[in-house]
């Protein structure tokens, strides 16, 4: 019973986070020129990103009704691994590009830990089923297209 209650609370917390934060990610990306400008609009009265909320709902509902909990959980893990991989690979790049203050914390070993983390992400992702990897690749491709056609501050699309 305790494990069930803990599991339910954990799932509710994760779902609440996704419902609240997900549209705000879309909103923030659109504000910065990634994605359609409509996603960066706020409801005039409630100041909520209504179009972003509806967009996330339009994506999430078919996913929720399309597969089992196990399939969706695996798909979530693949998405998280892609995010962790990108973060780990960004560390060595940002270390080269940005000047850190003298008192900044530095992970011992230079790029070894971030590269090892990226390698683990690849190893874990390879244990996923082909369908989940294809779905993850499609999501990454959509993200790449959105990035490639980032809007300029004047609202016009610009290549990369």
N, C-alpha and C. Protein backbone atom coordinates (compact mmCIF):
# COMPACT_ATOMS: atom_id res chain seq x y z
N UNK A 1 0.83 -1.19 0.00
CA UNK A 1 0.00 0.00 0.00
C UNK A 1 0.87 1.25 0.00
N UNK A 2 1.92 1.24 0.81
CA UNK A 2 2.81 2.40 0.87
C UNK A 2 3.50 2.63 -0.47
N UNK A 3 3.93 1.55 -1.12
CA UNK A 3 4.57 1.67 -2.44
C UNK A 3 3.58 2.20 -3.48
N UNK A 4 2.34 1.75 -3.41
CA UNK A 4 1.32 2.21 -4.36
C UNK A 4 1.04 3.69 -4.17
N UNK A 5 0.88 4.12 -2.92
CA UNK A 5 0.65 5.54 -2.63
C UNK A 5 1.84 6.37 -3.11
N UNK A 6 3.05 5.89 -2.83
CA UNK A 6 4.25 6.59 -3.28
C UNK A 6 4.32 6.68 -4.80
N UNK A 7 3.98 5.59 -5.47
CA UNK A 7 3.96 5.58 -6.94
C UNK A 7 2.94 6.55 -7.50
N UNK A 8 1.74 6.55 -6.92
CA UNK A 8 0.69 7.46 -7.38
C UNK A 8 1.10 8.91 -7.18
N UNK A 9 1.67 9.23 -6.02
CA UNK A 9 2.12 10.60 -5.76
C UNK A 9 3.23 11.02 -6.72
N UNK A 10 4.13 10.09 -7.00
CA UNK A 10 5.22 10.38 -7.93
C UNK A 10 4.68 10.65 -9.34
N UNK A 11 3.76 9.82 -9.80
CA UNK A 11 3.17 9.99 -11.13
C UNK A 11 2.38 11.29 -11.19
N UNK A 12 1.61 11.59 -10.15
CA UNK A 12 0.86 12.84 -10.14
C UNK A 12 1.79 14.05 -10.15
N UNK A 13 2.88 13.98 -9.41
CA UNK A 13 3.84 15.07 -9.40
C UNK A 13 4.48 15.29 -10.75
N UNK A 14 4.88 14.18 -11.40
CA UNK A 14 5.48 14.28 -12.72
C UNK A 14 4.49 14.83 -13.73
N UNK A 15 3.25 14.32 -13.69
CA UNK A 15 2.23 14.81 -14.62
C UNK A 15 1.92 16.28 -14.38
N UNK A 16 1.84 16.69 -13.13
CA UNK A 16 1.57 18.09 -12.82
C UNK A 16 2.70 18.98 -13.34
N UNK A 17 3.93 18.54 -13.16
CA UNK A 17 5.08 19.29 -13.66
C UNK A 17 5.00 19.42 -15.18
N UNK A 18 4.70 18.34 -15.86
CA UNK A 18 4.64 18.37 -17.32
C UNK A 18 3.52 19.27 -17.81
N UNK A 19 2.37 19.19 -17.17
CA UNK A 19 1.22 20.02 -17.58
C UNK A 19 1.51 21.50 -17.34
N UNK A 20 2.18 21.82 -16.25
CA UNK A 20 2.46 23.22 -15.94
C UNK A 20 3.68 23.76 -16.69
N UNK A 21 4.73 22.98 -16.78
CA UNK A 21 5.97 23.48 -17.37
C UNK A 21 6.04 23.31 -18.88
N UNK A 22 5.46 22.26 -19.41
CA UNK A 22 5.54 21.98 -20.85
C UNK A 22 5.12 23.14 -21.73
N UNK A 23 3.93 23.70 -21.52
CA UNK A 23 3.53 24.84 -22.36
C UNK A 23 4.43 26.06 -22.17
N UNK A 24 4.99 26.20 -20.99
CA UNK A 24 5.88 27.34 -20.76
C UNK A 24 7.18 27.19 -21.54
N UNK A 25 7.64 25.94 -21.75
CA UNK A 25 8.81 25.72 -22.61
C UNK A 25 8.49 26.16 -24.03
N UNK A 26 7.34 25.73 -24.53
CA UNK A 26 6.92 26.13 -25.89
C UNK A 26 6.83 27.66 -25.98
N UNK A 27 6.24 28.26 -24.98
CA UNK A 27 6.08 29.72 -24.93
C UNK A 27 7.45 30.41 -24.96
N UNK A 28 8.37 29.96 -24.11
CA UNK A 28 9.70 30.57 -24.03
C UNK A 28 10.48 30.39 -25.33
N UNK A 29 10.40 29.21 -25.91
CA UNK A 29 11.08 28.97 -27.18
C UNK A 29 10.54 29.89 -28.27
N UNK A 30 9.21 30.01 -28.33
CA UNK A 30 8.59 30.88 -29.34
C UNK A 30 8.96 32.34 -29.09
N UNK A 31 9.05 32.75 -27.83
CA UNK A 31 9.46 34.13 -27.52
C UNK A 31 10.86 34.41 -28.03
N UNK A 32 11.72 33.40 -28.00
CA UNK A 32 13.10 33.56 -28.46
C UNK A 32 13.24 33.34 -29.97
N UNK A 33 12.11 33.13 -30.65
CA UNK A 33 12.15 33.00 -32.10
C UNK A 33 12.15 31.58 -32.61
N UNK A 34 12.06 30.61 -31.74
CA UNK A 34 12.02 29.21 -32.17
C UNK A 34 10.56 28.76 -32.19
N UNK A 35 10.07 28.45 -33.36
CA UNK A 35 8.68 28.00 -33.47
C UNK A 35 7.74 29.14 -33.82
N UNK A 36 6.50 28.80 -34.03
CA UNK A 36 5.51 29.79 -34.46
C UNK A 36 5.30 30.89 -33.42
N UNK A 37 5.14 32.11 -33.90
CA UNK A 37 4.94 33.26 -33.01
C UNK A 37 3.68 33.12 -32.17
N UNK A 38 2.69 32.39 -32.68
CA UNK A 38 1.44 32.22 -31.94
C UNK A 38 1.66 31.55 -30.59
N UNK A 39 2.69 30.70 -30.49
CA UNK A 39 2.98 30.04 -29.22
C UNK A 39 3.47 31.02 -28.16
N UNK A 40 3.91 32.20 -28.58
CA UNK A 40 4.44 33.21 -27.65
C UNK A 40 3.37 34.20 -27.20
N UNK A 41 2.12 33.91 -27.50
CA UNK A 41 1.05 34.83 -27.08
C UNK A 41 0.48 34.41 -25.73
N UNK A 42 -0.01 35.40 -25.00
CA UNK A 42 -0.63 35.16 -23.70
C UNK A 42 -2.11 35.51 -23.77
N UNK A 43 -2.91 34.79 -23.00
CA UNK A 43 -4.33 35.10 -22.89
C UNK A 43 -4.44 36.50 -22.28
N UNK A 44 -5.29 37.37 -22.85
CA UNK A 44 -5.34 38.76 -22.36
C UNK A 44 -5.77 38.89 -20.90
N UNK A 45 -6.63 38.01 -20.46
CA UNK A 45 -7.13 38.14 -19.09
C UNK A 45 -6.33 37.31 -18.08
N UNK A 46 -6.06 36.04 -18.43
CA UNK A 46 -5.44 35.13 -17.47
C UNK A 46 -3.92 35.09 -17.56
N UNK A 47 -3.35 35.71 -18.61
CA UNK A 47 -1.90 35.77 -18.80
C UNK A 47 -1.27 34.38 -18.85
N UNK A 48 -1.97 33.44 -19.46
CA UNK A 48 -1.46 32.08 -19.64
C UNK A 48 -1.17 31.86 -21.12
N UNK A 49 -0.20 31.02 -21.44
CA UNK A 49 0.12 30.75 -22.85
C UNK A 49 -0.91 29.78 -23.46
N UNK A 50 -2.08 30.28 -23.78
CA UNK A 50 -3.20 29.46 -24.20
C UNK A 50 -2.88 28.62 -25.43
N UNK A 51 -2.28 29.23 -26.45
CA UNK A 51 -1.98 28.48 -27.67
C UNK A 51 -0.97 27.37 -27.38
N UNK A 52 0.01 27.65 -26.54
CA UNK A 52 1.00 26.63 -26.17
C UNK A 52 0.35 25.51 -25.37
N UNK A 53 -0.58 25.84 -24.49
CA UNK A 53 -1.29 24.81 -23.72
C UNK A 53 -2.11 23.92 -24.66
N UNK A 54 -2.83 24.54 -25.59
CA UNK A 54 -3.64 23.77 -26.54
C UNK A 54 -2.76 22.92 -27.46
N UNK A 55 -1.61 23.46 -27.84
CA UNK A 55 -0.68 22.70 -28.69
C UNK A 55 -0.15 21.47 -27.95
N UNK A 56 0.27 21.67 -26.71
CA UNK A 56 0.76 20.53 -25.94
C UNK A 56 -0.34 19.49 -25.75
N UNK A 57 -1.55 19.95 -25.49
CA UNK A 57 -2.68 19.03 -25.31
C UNK A 57 -2.93 18.26 -26.59
N UNK A 58 -2.86 18.94 -27.73
CA UNK A 58 -3.09 18.28 -29.02
C UNK A 58 -2.03 17.22 -29.32
N UNK A 59 -0.84 17.39 -28.77
CA UNK A 59 0.22 16.39 -28.95
C UNK A 59 0.09 15.28 -27.90
N UNK A 60 -0.20 15.66 -26.66
CA UNK A 60 -0.20 14.70 -25.55
C UNK A 60 -1.39 13.74 -25.58
N UNK A 61 -2.56 14.23 -25.93
CA UNK A 61 -3.75 13.36 -25.91
C UNK A 61 -3.62 12.16 -26.85
N UNK A 62 -3.25 12.37 -28.12
CA UNK A 62 -3.08 11.19 -28.98
C UNK A 62 -2.01 10.24 -28.45
N UNK A 63 -0.93 10.80 -27.90
CA UNK A 63 0.10 9.92 -27.33
C UNK A 63 -0.46 9.12 -26.16
N UNK A 64 -1.21 9.79 -25.30
CA UNK A 64 -1.77 9.11 -24.13
C UNK A 64 -2.71 7.97 -24.51
N UNK A 65 -3.46 8.15 -25.59
CA UNK A 65 -4.42 7.13 -26.00
C UNK A 65 -3.83 6.12 -26.99
N UNK A 66 -2.59 6.33 -27.42
CA UNK A 66 -2.03 5.48 -28.47
C UNK A 66 -1.30 4.24 -27.97
N UNK A 67 -0.83 4.26 -26.75
CA UNK A 67 0.00 3.14 -26.32
C UNK A 67 -0.22 2.79 -24.87
N UNK A 68 0.52 1.79 -24.46
CA UNK A 68 0.44 1.35 -23.07
C UNK A 68 1.32 2.24 -22.21
N UNK A 69 1.15 2.12 -20.91
CA UNK A 69 1.98 2.88 -19.98
C UNK A 69 3.45 2.55 -20.19
N UNK A 70 3.75 1.28 -20.42
CA UNK A 70 5.14 0.86 -20.61
C UNK A 70 5.75 1.52 -21.83
N UNK A 71 5.01 1.58 -22.94
CA UNK A 71 5.52 2.20 -24.16
C UNK A 71 5.76 3.69 -23.94
N UNK A 72 4.82 4.35 -23.29
CA UNK A 72 4.96 5.79 -23.05
C UNK A 72 6.09 6.08 -22.07
N UNK A 73 6.26 5.22 -21.06
CA UNK A 73 7.36 5.40 -20.11
C UNK A 73 8.71 5.24 -20.82
N UNK A 74 8.81 4.25 -21.70
CA UNK A 74 10.05 4.06 -22.45
C UNK A 74 10.32 5.24 -23.37
N UNK A 75 9.27 5.74 -24.01
CA UNK A 75 9.42 6.91 -24.88
C UNK A 75 9.89 8.12 -24.07
N UNK A 76 9.38 8.26 -22.86
CA UNK A 76 9.80 9.35 -21.99
C UNK A 76 11.28 9.21 -21.64
N UNK A 77 11.73 8.00 -21.38
CA UNK A 77 13.14 7.77 -21.06
C UNK A 77 14.02 8.12 -22.25
N UNK A 78 13.60 7.74 -23.45
CA UNK A 78 14.38 8.07 -24.65
C UNK A 78 14.49 9.59 -24.80
N UNK A 79 13.39 10.30 -24.57
CA UNK A 79 13.41 11.76 -24.66
C UNK A 79 14.35 12.36 -23.62
N UNK A 80 14.32 11.83 -22.42
CA UNK A 80 15.20 12.34 -21.36
C UNK A 80 16.67 12.05 -21.68
N UNK A 81 16.93 10.87 -22.22
CA UNK A 81 18.31 10.53 -22.59
C UNK A 81 18.84 11.47 -23.66
N UNK A 82 17.98 11.85 -24.61
CA UNK A 82 18.40 12.80 -25.65
C UNK A 82 18.74 14.14 -25.01
N UNK A 83 17.94 14.56 -24.04
CA UNK A 83 18.21 15.82 -23.34
C UNK A 83 19.50 15.73 -22.55
N UNK A 84 19.70 14.64 -21.82
CA UNK A 84 20.92 14.48 -21.02
C UNK A 84 22.14 14.42 -21.94
N UNK A 85 22.00 13.73 -23.08
CA UNK A 85 23.11 13.63 -24.03
C UNK A 85 23.52 15.03 -24.51
N UNK A 86 22.54 15.82 -24.90
CA UNK A 86 22.83 17.17 -25.36
C UNK A 86 23.49 18.02 -24.28
N UNK A 87 23.02 17.88 -23.07
CA UNK A 87 23.60 18.63 -21.95
C UNK A 87 25.05 18.20 -21.71
N UNK A 88 25.29 16.90 -21.69
CA UNK A 88 26.65 16.40 -21.46
C UNK A 88 27.59 16.85 -22.57
N UNK A 89 27.12 16.83 -23.81
CA UNK A 89 27.98 17.23 -24.93
C UNK A 89 28.21 18.74 -24.95
N UNK A 90 27.32 19.49 -24.34
CA UNK A 90 27.48 20.95 -24.31
C UNK A 90 28.56 21.39 -23.32
N UNK A 91 28.82 20.60 -22.31
CA UNK A 91 29.78 21.01 -21.27
C UNK A 91 31.17 21.29 -21.85
N UNK A 92 31.77 20.37 -22.61
CA UNK A 92 33.10 20.68 -23.16
C UNK A 92 33.07 21.88 -24.12
N UNK A 93 32.01 22.01 -24.90
CA UNK A 93 31.91 23.11 -25.85
C UNK A 93 31.83 24.44 -25.10
N UNK A 94 30.96 24.49 -24.09
CA UNK A 94 30.81 25.73 -23.32
C UNK A 94 32.07 26.06 -22.52
N UNK A 95 32.77 25.05 -22.06
CA UNK A 95 34.04 25.30 -21.36
C UNK A 95 35.03 26.01 -22.27
N UNK A 96 35.05 25.61 -23.56
CA UNK A 96 35.96 26.25 -24.50
C UNK A 96 35.51 27.66 -24.86
N UNK A 97 34.19 27.85 -25.00
CA UNK A 97 33.67 29.13 -25.48
C UNK A 97 33.56 30.19 -24.39
N UNK A 98 33.25 29.80 -23.18
CA UNK A 98 33.00 30.76 -22.11
C UNK A 98 34.17 30.81 -21.15
N UNK A 99 34.44 31.98 -20.66
CA UNK A 99 35.48 32.15 -19.65
C UNK A 99 34.85 32.04 -18.27
N UNK A 100 35.22 31.02 -17.53
CA UNK A 100 34.70 30.84 -16.18
C UNK A 100 35.51 31.67 -15.20
N UNK A 101 34.85 32.23 -14.18
CA UNK A 101 35.61 32.95 -13.16
C UNK A 101 36.56 32.00 -12.42
N UNK A 102 37.57 32.56 -11.83
CA UNK A 102 38.59 31.76 -11.14
C UNK A 102 37.99 30.88 -10.04
N UNK A 103 36.96 31.38 -9.35
CA UNK A 103 36.39 30.64 -8.23
C UNK A 103 35.26 29.69 -8.66
N UNK A 104 35.06 29.49 -9.96
CA UNK A 104 34.00 28.59 -10.45
C UNK A 104 34.37 27.14 -10.16
N UNK A 105 33.35 26.33 -9.89
CA UNK A 105 33.57 24.90 -9.67
C UNK A 105 33.90 24.23 -10.99
N UNK A 106 34.90 23.40 -10.99
CA UNK A 106 35.28 22.63 -12.19
C UNK A 106 35.30 21.16 -11.83
N UNK A 107 34.66 20.37 -12.67
CA UNK A 107 34.67 18.92 -12.47
C UNK A 107 36.08 18.42 -12.78
N UNK A 108 36.66 17.62 -11.87
CA UNK A 108 37.98 17.07 -12.15
C UNK A 108 37.95 16.17 -13.40
N UNK A 109 39.04 16.15 -14.14
CA UNK A 109 39.11 15.27 -15.29
C UNK A 109 38.73 15.93 -16.60
N UNK A 110 38.43 17.22 -16.56
CA UNK A 110 38.09 17.93 -17.79
C UNK A 110 36.88 17.34 -18.49
N UNK A 111 37.01 17.00 -19.77
CA UNK A 111 35.85 16.51 -20.52
C UNK A 111 35.53 15.02 -20.28
N UNK A 112 36.31 14.34 -19.45
CA UNK A 112 36.12 12.89 -19.28
C UNK A 112 34.72 12.56 -18.75
N UNK A 113 34.28 13.25 -17.70
CA UNK A 113 32.98 12.93 -17.10
C UNK A 113 31.83 13.27 -18.04
N UNK A 114 31.79 14.45 -18.66
CA UNK A 114 30.70 14.71 -19.60
C UNK A 114 30.68 13.73 -20.78
N UNK A 115 31.85 13.37 -21.30
CA UNK A 115 31.89 12.43 -22.42
C UNK A 115 31.47 11.03 -21.97
N UNK A 116 31.83 10.64 -20.77
CA UNK A 116 31.38 9.35 -20.23
C UNK A 116 29.87 9.35 -20.03
N UNK A 117 29.32 10.46 -19.56
CA UNK A 117 27.86 10.57 -19.39
C UNK A 117 27.16 10.47 -20.74
N UNK A 118 27.71 11.12 -21.76
CA UNK A 118 27.13 11.06 -23.10
C UNK A 118 27.18 9.62 -23.63
N UNK A 119 28.29 8.94 -23.40
CA UNK A 119 28.41 7.54 -23.85
C UNK A 119 27.38 6.66 -23.14
N UNK A 120 27.17 6.88 -21.84
CA UNK A 120 26.15 6.11 -21.11
C UNK A 120 24.75 6.38 -21.68
N UNK A 121 24.48 7.61 -22.05
CA UNK A 121 23.17 7.93 -22.65
C UNK A 121 22.98 7.13 -23.92
N UNK A 122 24.02 7.04 -24.75
CA UNK A 122 23.92 6.28 -26.00
C UNK A 122 23.70 4.79 -25.69
N UNK A 123 24.46 4.27 -24.74
CA UNK A 123 24.33 2.84 -24.38
C UNK A 123 22.92 2.55 -23.88
N UNK A 124 22.39 3.40 -22.99
CA UNK A 124 21.03 3.20 -22.48
C UNK A 124 20.00 3.34 -23.59
N UNK A 125 20.19 4.29 -24.48
CA UNK A 125 19.23 4.49 -25.57
C UNK A 125 19.21 3.29 -26.50
N UNK A 126 20.34 2.65 -26.69
CA UNK A 126 20.39 1.48 -27.57
C UNK A 126 19.60 0.29 -27.02
N UNK A 127 19.28 0.34 -25.74
CA UNK A 127 18.48 -0.76 -25.16
C UNK A 127 16.98 -0.55 -25.38
N UNK A 128 16.60 0.61 -25.92
CA UNK A 128 15.19 0.88 -26.20
C UNK A 128 14.75 0.16 -27.47
N UNK A 129 13.46 0.00 -27.60
CA UNK A 129 12.92 -0.65 -28.80
C UNK A 129 13.04 0.30 -29.99
N UNK A 130 13.09 -0.29 -31.16
CA UNK A 130 13.28 0.47 -32.40
C UNK A 130 12.22 1.56 -32.57
N UNK A 131 10.97 1.25 -32.27
CA UNK A 131 9.88 2.21 -32.44
C UNK A 131 10.11 3.47 -31.60
N UNK A 132 10.61 3.27 -30.38
CA UNK A 132 10.87 4.42 -29.51
C UNK A 132 12.03 5.25 -30.02
N UNK A 133 13.05 4.60 -30.55
CA UNK A 133 14.17 5.34 -31.12
C UNK A 133 13.73 6.12 -32.36
N UNK A 134 12.86 5.52 -33.18
CA UNK A 134 12.35 6.22 -34.36
C UNK A 134 11.52 7.43 -33.92
N UNK A 135 10.67 7.25 -32.91
CA UNK A 135 9.86 8.37 -32.41
C UNK A 135 10.76 9.46 -31.85
N UNK A 136 11.80 9.09 -31.14
CA UNK A 136 12.75 10.07 -30.62
C UNK A 136 13.48 10.79 -31.74
N UNK A 137 13.84 10.05 -32.79
CA UNK A 137 14.52 10.67 -33.93
C UNK A 137 13.60 11.66 -34.64
N UNK A 138 12.32 11.32 -34.74
CA UNK A 138 11.36 12.23 -35.36
C UNK A 138 11.24 13.51 -34.53
N UNK A 139 11.16 13.37 -33.21
CA UNK A 139 11.07 14.53 -32.34
C UNK A 139 12.32 15.41 -32.47
N UNK A 140 13.50 14.79 -32.55
CA UNK A 140 14.74 15.55 -32.73
C UNK A 140 14.75 16.25 -34.09
N UNK A 141 14.23 15.58 -35.11
CA UNK A 141 14.18 16.20 -36.45
C UNK A 141 13.26 17.41 -36.45
N UNK A 142 12.12 17.31 -35.77
CA UNK A 142 11.22 18.46 -35.67
C UNK A 142 11.92 19.60 -34.94
N UNK A 143 12.63 19.29 -33.87
CA UNK A 143 13.38 20.30 -33.14
C UNK A 143 14.45 20.94 -34.01
N UNK A 144 15.12 20.14 -34.82
CA UNK A 144 16.14 20.67 -35.72
C UNK A 144 15.52 21.62 -36.73
N UNK A 145 14.37 21.25 -37.28
CA UNK A 145 13.70 22.11 -38.25
C UNK A 145 13.30 23.43 -37.59
N UNK A 146 12.75 23.36 -36.38
CA UNK A 146 12.38 24.59 -35.68
C UNK A 146 13.61 25.47 -35.43
N UNK A 147 14.72 24.86 -35.08
CA UNK A 147 15.94 25.60 -34.84
C UNK A 147 16.46 26.20 -36.15
N UNK A 148 16.40 25.43 -37.20
CA UNK A 148 16.94 25.87 -38.50
C UNK A 148 16.18 27.08 -39.03
N UNK A 149 14.90 27.12 -38.79
CA UNK A 149 14.07 28.21 -39.30
C UNK A 149 13.69 29.18 -38.19
N UNK A 150 14.62 29.46 -37.32
CA UNK A 150 14.39 30.41 -36.23
C UNK A 150 13.98 31.75 -36.80
N UNK A 151 13.00 32.37 -36.15
CA UNK A 151 12.53 33.68 -36.59
C UNK A 151 13.49 34.77 -36.14
N UNK A 152 13.64 35.79 -36.97
CA UNK A 152 14.40 36.97 -36.60
C UNK A 152 13.52 37.83 -35.70
N UNK A 153 14.09 38.80 -35.01
CA UNK A 153 13.26 39.67 -34.17
C UNK A 153 12.14 40.38 -34.94
N UNK A 154 12.30 40.56 -36.27
CA UNK A 154 11.23 41.20 -37.05
C UNK A 154 10.10 40.22 -37.39
N UNK A 155 10.22 38.95 -36.96
CA UNK A 155 9.16 37.98 -37.17
C UNK A 155 9.31 37.12 -38.40
N UNK A 156 10.30 37.42 -39.26
CA UNK A 156 10.50 36.64 -40.48
C UNK A 156 11.39 35.46 -40.18
N UNK A 157 11.16 34.36 -40.91
CA UNK A 157 11.97 33.15 -40.72
C UNK A 157 13.36 33.39 -41.30
N UNK A 158 14.35 32.81 -40.64
CA UNK A 158 15.72 32.92 -41.12
C UNK A 158 16.38 31.56 -41.03
N UNK A 159 17.20 31.23 -42.00
CA UNK A 159 17.93 29.97 -41.93
C UNK A 159 19.03 30.08 -40.91
N UNK A 160 19.08 29.02 -40.01
CA UNK A 160 20.08 28.79 -39.02
C UNK A 160 20.83 29.91 -38.51
